[in-house]
Protein backbone atom coordinates (compact mmCIF):
# COMPACT_ATOMS: atom_id res chain seq x y z
CA MET A 1 27.29 226.60 101.38
CA LEU A 2 24.87 229.52 101.76
CA VAL A 3 27.38 231.79 99.98
CA ALA A 4 27.56 229.38 97.05
CA LEU A 5 23.76 229.21 96.87
CA ARG A 6 23.51 233.01 96.78
CA HIS A 7 26.05 233.12 93.98
CA LEU A 8 24.20 230.40 92.05
CA ASP A 9 20.91 232.28 92.42
CA ARG A 10 22.52 235.42 91.01
CA LEU A 11 24.10 233.39 88.20
CA PHE A 12 20.66 232.07 87.25
CA GLU A 13 19.39 235.64 86.97
CA ILE A 14 22.45 236.67 84.95
CA GLY A 15 22.02 233.72 82.56
CA ARG A 16 18.35 234.56 82.03
CA ILE A 17 19.10 238.22 81.19
CA LEU A 18 21.97 237.31 78.87
CA ALA A 19 19.70 234.82 77.08
CA ARG A 20 16.95 237.39 76.66
CA HIS A 21 19.45 239.68 74.93
CA ASP A 22 20.91 236.82 72.85
CA ALA A 23 24.25 237.50 74.54
CA LEU A 24 25.39 234.09 75.74
CA PHE A 25 27.90 233.76 72.90
CA PRO A 26 30.95 234.42 75.17
CA VAL A 27 30.20 231.14 76.96
CA HIS A 28 30.44 229.24 73.68
CA GLN A 29 33.59 231.08 72.55
CA ALA A 30 35.56 230.75 75.80
CA PRO A 31 37.53 227.56 76.66
CA LEU A 32 34.85 226.32 79.07
CA PRO A 33 33.74 222.73 79.83
CA PRO A 34 31.05 221.25 77.57
CA ALA A 35 28.60 221.14 80.50
CA LEU A 36 28.66 224.94 80.83
CA LYS A 37 28.17 225.39 77.10
CA LEU A 38 25.25 222.99 77.22
CA GLY A 39 23.79 225.04 80.08
CA ALA A 40 24.08 228.20 77.98
CA THR A 41 22.25 226.48 75.12
CA ILE A 42 19.44 225.42 77.48
CA PHE A 43 19.12 228.96 78.88
CA GLN A 44 18.99 230.38 75.36
CA THR A 45 16.25 227.88 74.45
CA LEU A 46 14.16 228.56 77.57
CA PHE A 47 14.55 232.31 78.00
CA GLY A 48 16.15 233.71 74.87
CA LYS A 49 15.20 235.27 71.61
CA ARG A 50 17.33 235.88 68.55
CA GLN A 51 18.31 239.44 67.73
CA PRO A 52 20.17 239.19 64.39
CA GLN A 53 19.66 242.91 63.72
CA LEU A 54 22.23 243.72 66.43
CA ARG A 55 25.95 242.98 66.47
CA PRO A 56 27.14 240.60 69.21
CA GLY A 57 28.83 243.45 71.07
CA GLU A 58 25.66 245.54 70.99
CA ARG A 59 23.65 242.63 72.42
CA LEU A 60 26.20 242.09 75.19
CA ALA A 61 26.30 245.81 76.02
CA ASP A 62 22.49 245.91 76.31
CA ALA A 63 22.53 242.90 78.63
CA MET A 64 25.23 244.44 80.83
CA ALA A 65 23.29 247.68 81.07
CA GLU A 66 20.27 245.75 82.39
CA LEU A 67 22.39 243.73 84.81
CA GLY A 68 23.34 246.88 86.68
CA PRO A 69 26.29 249.02 87.75
CA SER A 70 28.77 246.18 88.38
CA PHE A 71 28.33 244.76 84.90
CA ILE A 72 28.36 248.21 83.30
CA LYS A 73 31.72 248.79 84.98
CA LEU A 74 32.96 245.34 83.88
CA GLY A 75 31.92 246.09 80.30
CA GLN A 76 33.70 249.44 80.34
CA ILE A 77 36.90 247.78 81.58
CA LEU A 78 36.69 245.01 78.98
CA SER A 79 36.28 247.71 76.32
CA VAL A 80 39.95 248.59 76.82
CA ARG A 81 41.04 244.98 76.29
CA PRO A 82 40.78 244.36 72.53
CA ASP A 83 43.62 241.88 73.03
CA LEU A 84 41.18 239.73 75.02
CA VAL A 85 37.75 240.32 73.49
CA GLY A 86 38.64 241.44 69.97
CA VAL A 87 38.52 244.89 68.37
CA ALA A 88 34.86 244.81 67.25
CA LEU A 89 33.52 243.66 70.63
CA ALA A 90 35.73 246.16 72.49
CA GLU A 91 34.39 249.01 70.34
CA ASP A 92 30.77 248.05 71.05
CA LEU A 93 31.42 247.75 74.78
CA GLY A 94 33.17 251.12 74.64
CA ARG A 95 29.81 252.68 73.78
CA LEU A 96 28.32 251.28 76.99
CA ARG A 97 26.93 254.22 78.90
CA ASP A 98 25.42 253.90 82.34
CA LYS A 99 22.28 256.02 81.91
CA LEU A 100 19.49 254.76 84.14
CA PRO A 101 16.14 256.09 85.44
CA PRO A 102 16.58 258.52 88.36
CA PHE A 103 15.91 257.49 91.94
CA ALA A 104 13.35 259.23 94.14
CA TRP A 105 13.84 262.82 95.29
CA ASP A 106 13.12 261.88 98.92
CA ALA A 107 16.04 259.43 98.89
CA ALA A 108 18.38 262.00 97.32
CA LYS A 109 17.37 264.69 99.84
CA ALA A 110 17.81 262.32 102.78
CA SER A 111 21.26 261.30 101.56
CA VAL A 112 22.45 264.91 101.18
CA GLU A 113 21.16 265.85 104.63
CA THR A 114 22.73 262.80 106.28
CA GLU A 115 26.10 263.33 104.63
CA LEU A 116 26.28 267.09 105.27
CA GLY A 117 24.80 266.83 108.74
CA GLY A 118 21.77 269.11 108.60
CA ALA A 119 18.65 270.22 106.78
CA LEU A 120 19.00 270.92 103.06
CA GLU A 121 17.95 274.56 103.60
CA THR A 122 20.95 275.05 105.88
CA PHE A 123 23.39 274.52 103.01
CA PHE A 124 21.55 275.47 99.82
CA ALA A 125 19.45 278.50 98.90
CA SER A 126 17.69 276.34 96.30
CA PHE A 127 17.87 272.70 95.21
CA GLU A 128 16.08 271.32 92.14
CA PRO A 129 14.27 268.02 92.93
CA GLU A 130 14.41 266.86 89.30
CA PRO A 131 17.87 265.48 88.41
CA VAL A 132 19.57 266.66 85.23
CA ALA A 133 21.41 263.35 84.77
CA ALA A 134 21.11 259.86 86.24
CA ALA A 135 23.61 257.01 85.93
CA SER A 136 24.19 253.65 87.56
CA VAL A 137 26.30 255.03 90.41
CA ALA A 138 24.82 258.48 91.03
CA GLN A 139 22.59 261.26 89.78
CA VAL A 140 23.12 265.02 89.49
CA HIS A 141 20.90 267.90 90.67
CA PHE A 142 21.30 271.59 90.04
CA ALA A 143 21.34 273.81 93.12
CA GLU A 144 22.43 277.21 94.43
CA THR A 145 24.60 277.76 97.48
CA MET A 146 23.75 280.19 100.26
CA ASP A 147 26.04 282.81 98.70
CA GLY A 148 24.28 282.48 95.33
CA ALA A 149 26.80 280.34 93.45
CA PRO A 150 25.23 277.92 90.91
CA VAL A 151 26.44 274.37 91.54
CA ALA A 152 25.87 270.77 90.42
CA VAL A 153 25.36 268.24 93.24
CA LYS A 154 26.16 264.58 92.62
CA VAL A 155 24.49 262.06 94.94
CA LEU A 156 25.26 258.34 95.11
CA ARG A 157 22.41 256.00 94.30
CA PRO A 158 20.87 254.33 97.40
CA GLY A 159 22.10 250.77 97.89
CA VAL A 160 24.76 251.05 95.19
CA GLU A 161 27.50 249.93 97.61
CA VAL A 162 25.53 246.77 98.47
CA ALA A 163 24.89 245.98 94.79
CA PHE A 164 28.56 246.34 93.94
CA ALA A 165 29.65 244.28 96.95
CA ARG A 166 27.30 241.45 95.93
CA ASP A 167 28.47 241.26 92.34
CA LEU A 168 32.15 241.81 93.11
CA ALA A 169 31.98 238.88 95.55
CA LEU A 170 30.42 236.82 92.75
CA PHE A 171 33.12 237.91 90.28
CA ALA A 172 35.86 236.98 92.75
CA TRP A 173 34.27 233.58 93.39
CA LEU A 174 34.02 232.85 89.68
CA ALA A 175 37.59 234.08 89.08
CA ASP A 176 38.95 231.73 91.75
CA LEU A 177 36.99 228.80 90.34
CA SER A 178 38.02 229.50 86.75
CA GLU A 179 41.74 229.93 87.47
CA SER A 180 41.91 226.83 89.68
CA ARG A 181 39.80 224.49 87.51
CA LEU A 182 39.96 225.93 83.99
CA PRO A 183 43.61 226.40 82.97
CA GLY A 184 42.57 227.60 79.53
CA LEU A 185 41.28 230.83 81.06
CA ASP A 186 44.64 231.84 82.54
CA ARG A 187 45.36 234.11 79.58
CA LEU A 188 42.27 236.18 80.39
CA ARG A 189 43.59 236.82 83.92
CA PRO A 190 40.12 236.86 85.54
CA ARG A 191 41.46 237.62 89.00
CA ALA A 192 43.35 240.64 87.70
CA VAL A 193 40.22 241.87 85.90
CA VAL A 194 38.16 241.57 89.10
CA GLU A 195 40.84 243.39 91.09
CA THR A 196 40.81 246.19 88.51
CA VAL A 197 37.01 246.49 88.73
CA ALA A 198 37.14 246.49 92.55
CA ALA A 199 39.85 249.16 92.67
CA GLN A 200 37.96 251.43 90.26
CA VAL A 201 34.69 250.95 92.14
CA ALA A 202 36.33 251.84 95.47
CA ILE A 203 37.34 255.21 94.01
CA GLU A 204 33.99 255.91 92.34
CA LEU A 205 32.02 255.16 95.52
CA ASP A 206 33.89 257.83 97.52
CA LEU A 207 32.97 261.18 95.99
CA ARG A 208 35.65 262.95 98.01
CA LEU A 209 38.21 261.23 95.78
CA GLU A 210 36.37 262.44 92.68
CA ALA A 211 36.44 265.98 94.11
CA ALA A 212 40.20 265.67 94.57
CA ALA A 213 40.57 264.51 90.96
CA ALA A 214 38.58 267.50 89.69
CA SER A 215 40.67 269.84 91.83
CA GLU A 216 43.95 268.40 90.50
CA ILE A 217 42.87 268.68 86.86
CA ALA A 218 41.63 272.23 87.51
CA ASP A 219 45.02 273.17 88.97
CA ASN A 220 46.81 271.67 85.97
CA PHE A 221 44.67 273.70 83.55
CA ARG A 222 44.45 276.90 85.59
CA ASP A 223 46.14 278.97 82.85
CA ASP A 224 45.12 276.89 79.84
CA PRO A 225 42.84 278.72 77.36
CA ASP A 226 41.31 275.53 75.97
CA LEU A 227 39.73 273.84 79.01
CA LEU A 228 37.57 274.80 81.98
CA VAL A 229 37.33 272.33 84.87
CA PRO A 230 34.69 272.95 87.57
CA ARG A 231 36.04 273.42 91.08
CA PRO A 232 34.67 271.39 94.01
CA ASP A 233 33.04 273.06 96.98
CA TRP A 234 34.72 271.13 99.81
CA ASN A 235 32.29 272.49 102.42
CA LEU A 236 29.43 270.80 100.58
CA THR A 237 31.19 267.56 99.70
CA ALA A 238 31.25 264.25 101.60
CA ARG A 239 31.66 260.56 100.84
CA ARG A 240 28.25 260.23 99.12
CA VAL A 241 27.75 263.85 98.00
CA LEU A 242 29.88 265.95 95.64
CA THR A 243 29.23 269.64 94.96
CA LEU A 244 30.94 271.22 91.94
CA GLN A 245 30.89 274.60 90.24
CA ARG A 246 28.11 274.46 87.63
CA ILE A 247 29.07 274.77 83.97
CA SER A 248 26.78 276.31 81.37
CA GLY A 249 28.20 275.18 78.04
CA ILE A 250 26.55 273.46 75.08
CA ALA A 251 26.78 269.67 74.95
CA ILE A 252 29.54 268.78 72.51
CA GLU A 253 27.28 266.25 70.80
CA ASP A 254 24.81 269.01 69.82
CA ARG A 255 26.36 270.03 66.50
CA VAL A 256 23.38 272.20 65.49
CA ALA A 257 23.54 274.28 68.69
CA LEU A 258 27.34 274.60 68.43
CA GLN A 259 27.13 275.88 64.86
CA ALA A 260 24.29 278.24 65.75
CA ALA A 261 26.49 279.68 68.52
CA GLY A 262 29.24 280.34 65.98
CA HIS A 263 31.74 277.70 67.09
CA ASP A 264 34.23 276.29 64.57
CA LEU A 265 33.68 272.51 64.74
CA SER A 266 37.05 271.73 63.15
CA LYS A 267 38.88 273.74 65.80
CA LEU A 268 36.83 272.10 68.54
CA ALA A 269 37.79 268.67 67.18
CA GLU A 270 41.50 269.54 67.30
CA ARG A 271 41.06 271.13 70.75
CA ALA A 272 39.55 267.92 72.18
CA ILE A 273 42.56 265.89 70.99
CA GLN A 274 45.10 268.43 72.22
CA VAL A 275 43.45 268.87 75.63
CA PHE A 276 43.62 265.13 76.21
CA LEU A 277 47.26 264.95 75.12
CA ARG A 278 48.20 267.83 77.42
CA GLN A 279 46.68 265.92 80.30
CA ALA A 280 48.44 262.69 79.41
CA LEU A 281 51.83 264.08 78.31
CA ARG A 282 52.28 267.34 80.17
CA ASP A 283 50.64 266.34 83.46
CA GLY A 284 50.70 262.53 83.51
CA TYR A 285 47.13 262.63 84.88
CA PHE A 286 44.18 262.35 82.53
CA HIS A 287 40.40 262.11 82.44
CA ALA A 288 39.83 258.56 81.24
CA ASP A 289 36.15 258.91 80.30
CA MET A 290 36.07 261.79 77.83
CA HIS A 291 32.94 260.71 75.96
CA HIS A 292 30.29 263.06 74.53
CA GLY A 293 28.22 263.13 77.72
CA ASN A 294 31.10 264.55 79.75
CA LEU A 295 32.16 267.34 77.38
CA PHE A 296 30.59 270.77 76.84
CA VAL A 297 31.62 273.94 75.01
CA GLY A 298 31.53 277.32 76.73
CA ALA A 299 30.59 280.61 75.09
CA ASP A 300 34.28 281.45 74.80
CA GLY A 301 35.02 278.21 72.91
CA ARG A 302 36.71 276.47 75.84
CA LEU A 303 35.90 272.83 76.43
CA GLU A 304 34.19 272.12 79.75
CA LEU A 305 34.82 268.73 81.36
CA VAL A 306 32.73 266.92 84.00
CA ASP A 307 32.57 263.55 85.81
CA PHE A 308 35.98 262.71 87.26
CA GLY A 309 35.24 259.19 88.52
CA ILE A 310 37.58 257.43 86.08
CA MET A 311 41.09 258.87 85.93
CA GLY A 312 44.44 257.61 84.64
CA ARG A 313 47.95 258.38 85.83
CA ILE A 314 51.22 257.68 83.97
CA ASP A 315 54.78 258.33 85.08
CA ILE A 316 57.45 260.27 83.21
CA ALA A 317 59.01 257.13 81.73
CA THR A 318 55.67 256.08 80.23
CA ARG A 319 55.10 259.58 78.89
CA ARG A 320 58.48 259.49 77.17
CA PHE A 321 57.62 256.13 75.69
CA MET A 322 54.29 257.49 74.48
CA ALA A 323 55.85 260.61 72.95
CA GLU A 324 58.64 258.69 71.22
CA MET A 325 56.28 256.01 69.97
CA LEU A 326 53.81 258.55 68.55
CA GLY A 327 56.66 260.61 67.11
CA ALA A 328 58.21 257.57 65.43
CA PHE A 329 54.89 256.63 63.81
CA LEU A 330 54.28 260.24 62.77
CA SER A 331 57.63 260.33 60.98
CA GLY A 332 57.55 256.77 59.65
CA ASP A 333 60.64 255.78 61.65
CA TRP A 334 59.67 252.14 62.17
CA ARG A 335 62.98 251.09 63.71
CA ARG A 336 62.69 253.79 66.37
CA ALA A 337 59.08 252.77 67.00
CA ALA A 338 60.39 249.28 67.71
CA GLU A 339 63.38 250.41 69.78
CA VAL A 340 61.29 252.40 72.28
CA HIS A 341 59.25 249.27 73.09
CA PHE A 342 62.40 247.33 73.91
CA GLU A 343 64.01 250.23 75.78
CA ALA A 344 60.90 250.59 77.97
CA GLY A 345 61.07 246.89 78.78
CA TYR A 346 57.60 246.28 77.36
CA VAL A 347 58.80 243.78 74.77
CA PRO A 348 61.44 241.22 75.81
CA LEU A 349 64.46 240.84 73.53
CA ASP A 350 64.84 237.18 72.58
CA PRO A 351 66.72 236.51 69.31
CA ASP A 352 66.21 232.75 69.70
CA THR A 353 62.46 233.17 69.18
CA GLY A 354 62.74 235.92 66.58
CA ARG A 355 61.92 238.72 69.03
CA THR A 356 64.43 241.24 67.71
CA VAL A 357 64.34 244.96 67.06
CA GLU A 358 64.47 244.32 63.32
CA ALA A 359 61.52 241.92 63.41
CA PHE A 360 59.47 244.26 65.57
CA ALA A 361 60.32 247.20 63.30
CA GLN A 362 58.96 245.18 60.40
CA ALA A 363 55.76 244.61 62.38
CA CYS A 364 55.49 248.35 63.13
CA ARG A 365 55.90 249.09 59.44
CA SER A 366 53.06 246.68 58.64
CA ILE A 367 50.81 248.75 60.91
CA GLY A 368 51.90 252.28 60.07
CA GLU A 369 52.88 252.28 56.42
CA PRO A 370 49.43 251.33 55.02
CA ILE A 371 47.96 254.55 56.47
CA LEU A 372 50.54 256.94 55.03
CA GLY A 373 48.89 257.28 51.63
CA LYS A 374 45.29 257.19 52.84
CA PRO A 375 42.95 260.17 53.22
CA VAL A 376 42.58 261.34 56.81
CA THR A 377 38.99 260.05 56.99
CA GLU A 378 40.32 256.49 56.75
CA ILE A 379 43.02 256.81 59.43
CA SER A 380 41.96 255.66 62.91
CA ILE A 381 44.29 256.04 65.88
CA GLY A 382 42.08 253.60 67.78
CA ARG A 383 42.41 250.80 65.26
CA LEU A 384 46.11 251.46 64.84
CA LEU A 385 46.74 251.14 68.59
CA ALA A 386 44.58 248.01 68.77
CA GLN A 387 46.70 246.45 66.00
CA LEU A 388 49.85 247.52 67.84
CA PHE A 389 48.72 245.79 71.04
CA GLN A 390 47.91 242.63 69.08
CA ILE A 391 51.41 242.60 67.59
CA THR A 392 53.10 243.34 70.92
CA GLU A 393 51.25 240.39 72.40
CA THR A 394 52.74 238.21 69.64
CA PHE A 395 56.17 239.51 70.68
CA GLY A 396 55.58 238.60 74.33
CA MET A 397 54.53 241.97 75.74
CA ARG A 398 52.80 241.63 79.11
CA THR A 399 49.55 243.51 79.63
CA GLN A 400 50.16 247.13 80.64
CA PRO A 401 46.92 248.36 82.30
CA HIS A 402 47.95 252.04 82.19
CA LEU A 403 48.62 251.81 78.44
CA LEU A 404 45.27 250.10 77.86
CA LEU A 405 43.44 252.87 79.72
CA LEU A 406 45.37 255.39 77.65
CA GLN A 407 44.39 253.57 74.47
CA LYS A 408 40.74 253.46 75.46
CA THR A 409 40.72 257.20 76.11
CA MET A 410 42.45 257.92 72.80
CA VAL A 411 39.77 255.92 71.00
CA THR A 412 37.01 257.80 72.84
CA VAL A 413 38.55 261.22 72.17
CA GLU A 414 39.08 260.34 68.52
CA GLY A 415 35.39 259.43 68.30
CA VAL A 416 34.38 262.77 69.81
CA ALA A 417 36.68 264.66 67.43
CA ARG A 418 35.38 262.81 64.36
CA SER A 419 31.78 263.51 65.36
CA LEU A 420 32.65 267.21 65.12
CA ASP A 421 34.78 266.97 61.98
CA GLU A 422 34.95 263.65 60.18
CA ARG A 423 38.12 264.74 58.40
CA VAL A 424 40.08 265.55 61.56
CA ASN A 425 43.53 263.96 61.54
CA PHE A 426 44.49 262.75 65.02
CA TRP A 427 48.16 262.70 64.00
CA GLU A 428 48.24 266.29 62.78
CA ALA A 429 46.33 267.56 65.81
CA ALA A 430 48.72 265.65 68.09
CA ARG A 431 51.91 266.85 66.41
CA PRO A 432 52.30 270.29 68.11
CA VAL A 433 51.57 268.91 71.58
CA VAL A 434 53.94 265.95 71.18
CA THR A 435 56.65 268.18 69.66
CA GLU A 436 56.43 270.83 72.38
CA TRP A 437 56.53 268.28 75.17
CA ALA A 438 59.42 266.38 73.60
CA ASN A 439 61.45 269.58 73.19
CA ARG A 440 60.97 270.39 76.86
CA ASN A 441 61.41 266.94 78.31
CA MET A 442 63.60 264.92 75.96
CA GLY A 443 66.23 267.38 74.69
CA PRO A 444 69.96 267.34 75.52
CA GLU A 445 69.61 269.89 78.33
CA THR A 446 67.01 267.75 80.09
CA GLN A 447 69.15 264.63 79.76
CA LEU A 448 72.20 266.46 81.14
CA ARG A 449 70.18 267.88 84.03
CA GLU A 450 68.84 264.44 84.93
CA ALA A 451 72.31 262.91 84.68
CA VAL A 452 73.65 265.54 87.10
CA SER A 453 70.70 265.00 89.45
CA GLU A 454 71.31 261.27 89.40
CA GLY A 455 75.00 261.81 90.13
CA VAL A 456 74.23 264.16 93.03
CA ALA A 457 71.82 261.61 94.45
CA THR A 458 74.59 259.01 94.26
CA LEU A 459 77.01 261.39 96.02
CA ARG A 460 74.48 261.85 98.80
CA ARG A 461 74.40 258.11 99.27
CA LEU A 462 78.21 257.91 99.36
CA PRO A 463 78.67 258.42 103.18
CA LYS A 464 76.33 255.53 103.85
CA LEU A 465 78.20 253.41 101.32
CA LEU A 466 81.53 254.25 102.99
CA GLN A 467 80.06 253.37 106.38
CA HIS A 468 79.06 249.98 105.02
CA LEU A 469 82.58 249.49 103.58
CA GLU A 470 84.17 250.33 106.92
CA THR A 471 81.85 247.92 108.71
CA LEU A 472 82.77 245.25 106.20
CA ALA A 473 86.48 246.00 106.67
CA ALA A 474 86.15 245.73 110.46
CA GLN A 475 84.57 242.31 110.07
CA THR A 476 87.35 241.12 107.72
CA PRO A 477 90.34 239.22 109.21
CA ALA A 478 93.22 241.53 110.13
CA ALA A 479 95.60 242.56 107.33
CA PRO A 480 98.65 244.82 107.22
CA VAL A 481 97.44 248.37 107.88
CA ALA A 482 99.25 250.00 104.98
CA ARG A 483 97.89 247.46 102.56
CA HIS A 484 94.36 247.90 103.93
CA ASP A 485 94.62 251.70 103.55
CA ARG A 486 95.93 251.39 100.00
CA GLY A 487 93.06 249.06 99.11
CA LEU A 488 90.45 251.38 100.64
CA ARG A 489 91.94 254.43 98.88
CA TRP A 490 91.94 252.50 95.60
CA LEU A 491 88.26 251.59 96.09
CA LEU A 492 87.31 255.19 96.92
CA GLY A 493 89.19 256.37 93.83
CA LEU A 494 87.28 253.90 91.69
CA ILE A 495 83.95 255.07 93.12
CA ALA A 496 84.89 258.72 92.48
CA ALA A 497 85.87 257.91 88.90
CA LEU A 498 82.57 256.13 88.28
CA LEU A 499 80.64 259.07 89.71
CA ALA A 500 82.55 261.50 87.50
CA ALA A 501 81.84 259.40 84.44
CA ASN A 502 78.16 259.28 85.33
CA LEU A 503 78.02 263.06 85.76
CA LEU A 504 79.83 263.79 82.52
CA PHE A 505 78.47 261.17 80.18
CA GLY A 506 75.20 260.06 81.88
């Protein structure tokens, strides 16, 4: 009972803030009982004010920013679900940034000393009390290590774990209530959304995991001329404190400073797209929050990337799907664009309901062909992918969280690139990366090598298979020995033939 009362008290506060931002419209749009919609109307009357100068998504984003870190995270996750909230609302939520006032220096200093186990002066030659950035989860201070290395120190906000725990418990409570009592909300999968938020939060609240992410990306780009990733200092990193090599580049959103430094904005726009695609295609591990605030440009023209709290990982099968899908759209091969969806198992084949390759190819054509004759300034990869997800939903495709995170990052990177050069063509910038990766990973030699590897793996399992066959034979009623031997030899011959076929023809 007390738990329910605490949740209701928090809901009252949430309703009041949403009303003040004129952001209660989701209650009226969702398939909720009339009583809840009436409650939203009452809250809007008592506490709200109209803000017609702002789009609905902007009003909701402002409300979520005021509601704190849990709702900022929820808004960011919903921004990758245009299939649920619509393209316009998803785009507005995608601009949700968690910039907040900094917390007190005394609290930051105490946290660093507690986590590292000693006085600040023991670990740092200097430490700037004024943070250079402050967000909902943490803030960043510049410092210098005892050996003179300039570093950036990220410190979790005091009480952030408690705030997240409170709101995540509320989200879980509401998700259980909605799925058990409001069948119309099943499509939104509220429990799955809450689980996604909780999983992401668990990673972001342990800065050792962020340090590991930065280290992995740095290893992947060790010899890449287009990206610098700061290395973590593991001796000065703990659960609530992260120390990274300090970068010194120009913020990528500062066009005037970039031009004054002699950087080619068009090349930087292409570089941002290609760096992301190398992460996603080449490495299968990508920075999933590549917005303006996390990107800088070094004196040598390399991009510099920070903040590794939100990362995405995709396996080789998904990368092949991504490469083939992008390649098919690039070349206007609509049938192949459709086939890769079915081959990946994302879209179920069901001729009885019209879910065929031919029908899906027609749908792909309806998305891709209208952009072929347009100038590059009117071609948006983000909108194209959003339309693709809407069509795949019509064809019965289940939600693929890793693809949605990929889509969200593509949209963000495209926005960064267009802010540098509004005429940048995502497709043309992507072409060399997609082509190079496909040649290395999808050519005949690769397929033959994988077929041989698969056959060898099967051969390694053969002794165990034979052991099982012998056990089965021992448990079978006695039969003439010669006949049993002939049958076993015939079975072994069949297995060998199948293995040979697999090796040769894969």
